[in-house]
């Protein structure tokens, strides 16, 4: 997915509307640094897995709400839908 975004002659020529993450937004946020985008995506995936695990297994509703709120912010930071 990242290669398709970075390897096109014009990033605007490719339809990215079906991707769950707005790579144009994320790339812009990362100063168009491909390595930084990849690192941010790795960190995002790691955090989403951890937060989803908390939401799915935690019995304390306050902890679930905190994890869900953090997940929402994390998704927004990378341009995830």
N, C-alpha and C. Protein backbone atom coordinates (compact mmCIF):
# COMPACT_ATOMS: atom_id res chain seq x y z
N UNK A 1 0.82 -1.18 0.00
CA UNK A 1 0.00 0.00 0.00
C UNK A 1 0.87 1.25 0.00
N UNK A 2 1.90 1.28 0.81
CA UNK A 2 2.77 2.45 0.86
C UNK A 2 3.50 2.62 -0.46
N UNK A 3 3.99 1.53 -1.01
CA UNK A 3 4.70 1.61 -2.29
C UNK A 3 3.80 2.17 -3.39
N UNK A 4 2.56 1.76 -3.40
CA UNK A 4 1.64 2.27 -4.42
C UNK A 4 1.48 3.78 -4.29
N UNK A 5 1.52 4.27 -3.09
CA UNK A 5 1.38 5.71 -2.88
C UNK A 5 2.64 6.45 -3.29
N UNK A 6 3.78 6.01 -2.82
CA UNK A 6 5.02 6.72 -3.06
C UNK A 6 5.59 6.51 -4.45
N UNK A 7 5.27 5.40 -5.10
CA UNK A 7 5.89 5.08 -6.38
C UNK A 7 5.10 5.56 -7.59
N UNK A 8 3.99 6.24 -7.40
CA UNK A 8 3.24 6.75 -8.54
C UNK A 8 3.82 8.09 -8.97
N UNK A 9 3.81 8.37 -10.28
CA UNK A 9 4.35 9.64 -10.76
C UNK A 9 3.69 10.85 -10.09
N UNK A 10 2.39 10.78 -9.92
CA UNK A 10 1.68 11.83 -9.22
C UNK A 10 0.79 11.17 -8.19
N UNK A 11 1.02 11.46 -6.94
CA UNK A 11 0.25 10.82 -5.88
C UNK A 11 -1.24 11.08 -6.00
N UNK A 12 -1.62 12.13 -6.70
CA UNK A 12 -3.03 12.46 -6.83
C UNK A 12 -3.70 11.68 -7.96
N UNK A 13 -2.92 10.96 -8.79
CA UNK A 13 -3.49 10.18 -9.89
C UNK A 13 -4.03 8.83 -9.42
N UNK A 14 -3.66 8.39 -8.25
CA UNK A 14 -4.08 7.10 -7.74
C UNK A 14 -5.28 7.27 -6.83
N UNK A 15 -6.27 6.39 -6.97
CA UNK A 15 -7.46 6.46 -6.13
C UNK A 15 -7.16 5.80 -4.80
N UNK A 16 -7.01 6.61 -3.77
CA UNK A 16 -6.74 6.09 -2.43
C UNK A 16 -7.99 6.10 -1.56
N UNK A 17 -9.14 6.31 -2.18
CA UNK A 17 -10.37 6.42 -1.41
C UNK A 17 -10.76 5.10 -0.74
N UNK A 18 -10.21 3.99 -1.21
CA UNK A 18 -10.55 2.70 -0.63
C UNK A 18 -9.59 2.26 0.46
N UNK A 19 -8.55 3.02 0.70
CA UNK A 19 -7.60 2.66 1.75
C UNK A 19 -8.11 3.17 3.09
N UNK A 20 -7.90 2.40 4.15
CA UNK A 20 -8.40 2.82 5.47
C UNK A 20 -7.62 3.98 6.07
N UNK A 21 -6.44 4.26 5.53
CA UNK A 21 -5.60 5.35 6.03
C UNK A 21 -5.35 6.33 4.89
N UNK A 22 -5.54 7.58 5.18
CA UNK A 22 -5.29 8.64 4.19
C UNK A 22 -3.78 8.87 4.11
N UNK A 23 -3.14 8.18 3.18
CA UNK A 23 -1.68 8.26 3.06
C UNK A 23 -1.21 9.64 2.63
N UNK A 24 -2.03 10.36 1.90
CA UNK A 24 -1.67 11.72 1.52
C UNK A 24 -1.56 12.59 2.78
N UNK A 25 -2.55 12.48 3.65
CA UNK A 25 -2.54 13.22 4.92
C UNK A 25 -1.34 12.81 5.77
N UNK A 26 -1.14 11.51 5.93
CA UNK A 26 -0.05 11.02 6.77
C UNK A 26 1.29 11.45 6.22
N UNK A 27 1.47 11.34 4.91
CA UNK A 27 2.72 11.76 4.29
C UNK A 27 2.96 13.25 4.51
N UNK A 28 1.92 14.02 4.38
CA UNK A 28 2.04 15.47 4.60
C UNK A 28 2.44 15.75 6.05
N UNK A 29 1.82 15.05 6.98
CA UNK A 29 2.14 15.22 8.40
C UNK A 29 3.59 14.83 8.70
N UNK A 30 4.11 13.88 7.92
CA UNK A 30 5.46 13.36 8.14
C UNK A 30 6.49 14.06 7.26
N UNK A 31 6.12 15.16 6.65
CA UNK A 31 7.06 15.89 5.80
C UNK A 31 7.46 15.12 4.56
N UNK A 32 6.58 14.25 4.09
CA UNK A 32 6.81 13.43 2.89
C UNK A 32 8.05 12.54 3.03
N UNK A 33 8.34 12.16 4.26
CA UNK A 33 9.46 11.27 4.57
C UNK A 33 8.95 9.83 4.62
N UNK A 34 9.28 9.06 3.60
CA UNK A 34 8.75 7.70 3.47
C UNK A 34 9.10 6.82 4.67
N UNK A 35 10.33 6.92 5.15
CA UNK A 35 10.73 6.10 6.30
C UNK A 35 9.94 6.47 7.55
N UNK A 36 9.68 7.75 7.72
CA UNK A 36 8.89 8.19 8.86
C UNK A 36 7.45 7.70 8.74
N UNK A 37 6.88 7.75 7.55
CA UNK A 37 5.53 7.24 7.33
C UNK A 37 5.47 5.76 7.69
N UNK A 38 6.44 5.00 7.24
CA UNK A 38 6.46 3.56 7.54
C UNK A 38 6.58 3.31 9.04
N UNK A 39 7.42 4.08 9.72
CA UNK A 39 7.59 3.93 11.17
C UNK A 39 6.30 4.31 11.90
N UNK A 40 5.66 5.38 11.47
CA UNK A 40 4.40 5.80 12.08
C UNK A 40 3.33 4.73 11.90
N UNK A 41 3.30 4.11 10.73
CA UNK A 41 2.32 3.04 10.50
C UNK A 41 2.61 1.81 11.36
N UNK A 42 3.88 1.47 11.52
CA UNK A 42 4.22 0.34 12.40
C UNK A 42 3.78 0.65 13.84
N UNK A 43 4.04 1.86 14.30
CA UNK A 43 3.64 2.25 15.64
C UNK A 43 2.12 2.25 15.79
N UNK A 44 1.43 2.72 14.75
CA UNK A 44 -0.03 2.74 14.75
C UNK A 44 -0.59 1.33 14.89
N UNK A 45 -0.09 0.41 14.09
CA UNK A 45 -0.58 -0.97 14.14
C UNK A 45 -0.34 -1.58 15.52
N UNK A 46 0.83 -1.35 16.08
CA UNK A 46 1.16 -1.89 17.41
C UNK A 46 0.20 -1.32 18.47
N UNK A 47 -0.04 -0.02 18.41
CA UNK A 47 -0.92 0.60 19.39
C UNK A 47 -2.37 0.16 19.20
N UNK A 48 -2.81 0.04 17.97
CA UNK A 48 -4.19 -0.41 17.71
C UNK A 48 -4.40 -1.82 18.25
N UNK A 49 -3.43 -2.69 18.04
CA UNK A 49 -3.57 -4.07 18.57
C UNK A 49 -3.70 -4.06 20.08
N UNK A 50 -2.87 -3.26 20.74
CA UNK A 50 -2.91 -3.19 22.19
C UNK A 50 -4.23 -2.60 22.68
N UNK A 51 -4.66 -1.52 22.07
CA UNK A 51 -5.91 -0.88 22.49
C UNK A 51 -7.12 -1.76 22.20
N UNK A 52 -7.13 -2.42 21.05
CA UNK A 52 -8.24 -3.32 20.72
C UNK A 52 -8.30 -4.47 21.72
N UNK A 53 -7.15 -4.96 22.12
CA UNK A 53 -7.09 -6.02 23.12
C UNK A 53 -7.70 -5.52 24.43
N UNK A 54 -7.37 -4.32 24.82
CA UNK A 54 -7.94 -3.74 26.05
C UNK A 54 -9.45 -3.61 25.93
N UNK A 55 -9.92 -3.08 24.82
CA UNK A 55 -11.37 -2.90 24.62
C UNK A 55 -12.08 -4.25 24.65
N UNK A 56 -11.49 -5.26 24.04
CA UNK A 56 -12.14 -6.57 23.95
C UNK A 56 -12.09 -7.38 25.24
N UNK A 57 -11.08 -7.15 26.08
CA UNK A 57 -10.90 -8.02 27.24
C UNK A 57 -11.12 -7.35 28.60
N UNK A 58 -11.07 -6.07 28.63
CA UNK A 58 -11.19 -5.34 29.90
C UNK A 58 -12.63 -5.35 30.39
N UNK A 59 -12.79 -5.58 31.67
CA UNK A 59 -14.13 -5.56 32.26
C UNK A 59 -14.45 -4.21 32.88
N UNK A 60 -13.44 -3.43 33.19
CA UNK A 60 -13.62 -2.10 33.78
C UNK A 60 -14.04 -1.13 32.68
N UNK A 61 -15.27 -0.66 32.74
CA UNK A 61 -15.80 0.19 31.68
C UNK A 61 -14.99 1.47 31.52
N UNK A 62 -14.48 2.01 32.60
CA UNK A 62 -13.66 3.22 32.52
C UNK A 62 -12.40 2.97 31.69
N UNK A 63 -11.78 1.82 31.87
CA UNK A 63 -10.59 1.46 31.09
C UNK A 63 -10.95 1.27 29.62
N UNK A 64 -12.10 0.69 29.36
CA UNK A 64 -12.57 0.50 27.97
C UNK A 64 -12.78 1.85 27.31
N UNK A 65 -13.43 2.77 28.01
CA UNK A 65 -13.68 4.10 27.45
C UNK A 65 -12.38 4.86 27.19
N UNK A 66 -11.41 4.74 28.10
CA UNK A 66 -10.11 5.39 27.89
C UNK A 66 -9.42 4.82 26.67
N UNK A 67 -9.44 3.49 26.55
CA UNK A 67 -8.79 2.83 25.40
C UNK A 67 -9.48 3.23 24.10
N UNK A 68 -10.80 3.28 24.11
CA UNK A 68 -11.54 3.66 22.90
C UNK A 68 -11.24 5.10 22.52
N UNK A 69 -11.16 5.97 23.50
CA UNK A 69 -10.85 7.38 23.23
C UNK A 69 -9.43 7.52 22.67
N UNK A 70 -8.49 6.78 23.24
CA UNK A 70 -7.11 6.80 22.75
C UNK A 70 -7.04 6.24 21.33
N UNK A 71 -7.78 5.19 21.07
CA UNK A 71 -7.83 4.60 19.73
C UNK A 71 -8.35 5.60 18.71
N UNK A 72 -9.38 6.34 19.08
CA UNK A 72 -9.94 7.35 18.18
C UNK A 72 -8.88 8.42 17.85
N UNK A 73 -8.17 8.88 18.86
CA UNK A 73 -7.13 9.89 18.64
C UNK A 73 -5.98 9.35 17.83
N UNK A 74 -5.60 8.12 18.09
CA UNK A 74 -4.51 7.49 17.35
C UNK A 74 -4.88 7.36 15.87
N UNK A 75 -6.10 6.95 15.62
CA UNK A 75 -6.56 6.80 14.23
C UNK A 75 -6.58 8.15 13.52
N UNK A 76 -7.07 9.17 14.22
CA UNK A 76 -7.14 10.50 13.62
C UNK A 76 -5.72 11.02 13.29
N UNK A 77 -4.76 10.71 14.12
CA UNK A 77 -3.40 11.20 13.92
C UNK A 77 -2.75 10.69 12.63
N UNK A 78 -3.16 9.48 12.20
CA UNK A 78 -2.58 8.93 10.97
C UNK A 78 -3.54 9.05 9.78
N UNK A 79 -4.68 9.66 10.00
CA UNK A 79 -5.64 9.83 8.92
C UNK A 79 -6.44 8.57 8.63
N UNK A 80 -6.63 7.76 9.66
CA UNK A 80 -7.42 6.52 9.47
C UNK A 80 -8.90 6.83 9.50
N UNK A 81 -9.63 6.11 8.66
CA UNK A 81 -11.09 6.30 8.59
C UNK A 81 -11.78 5.50 9.65
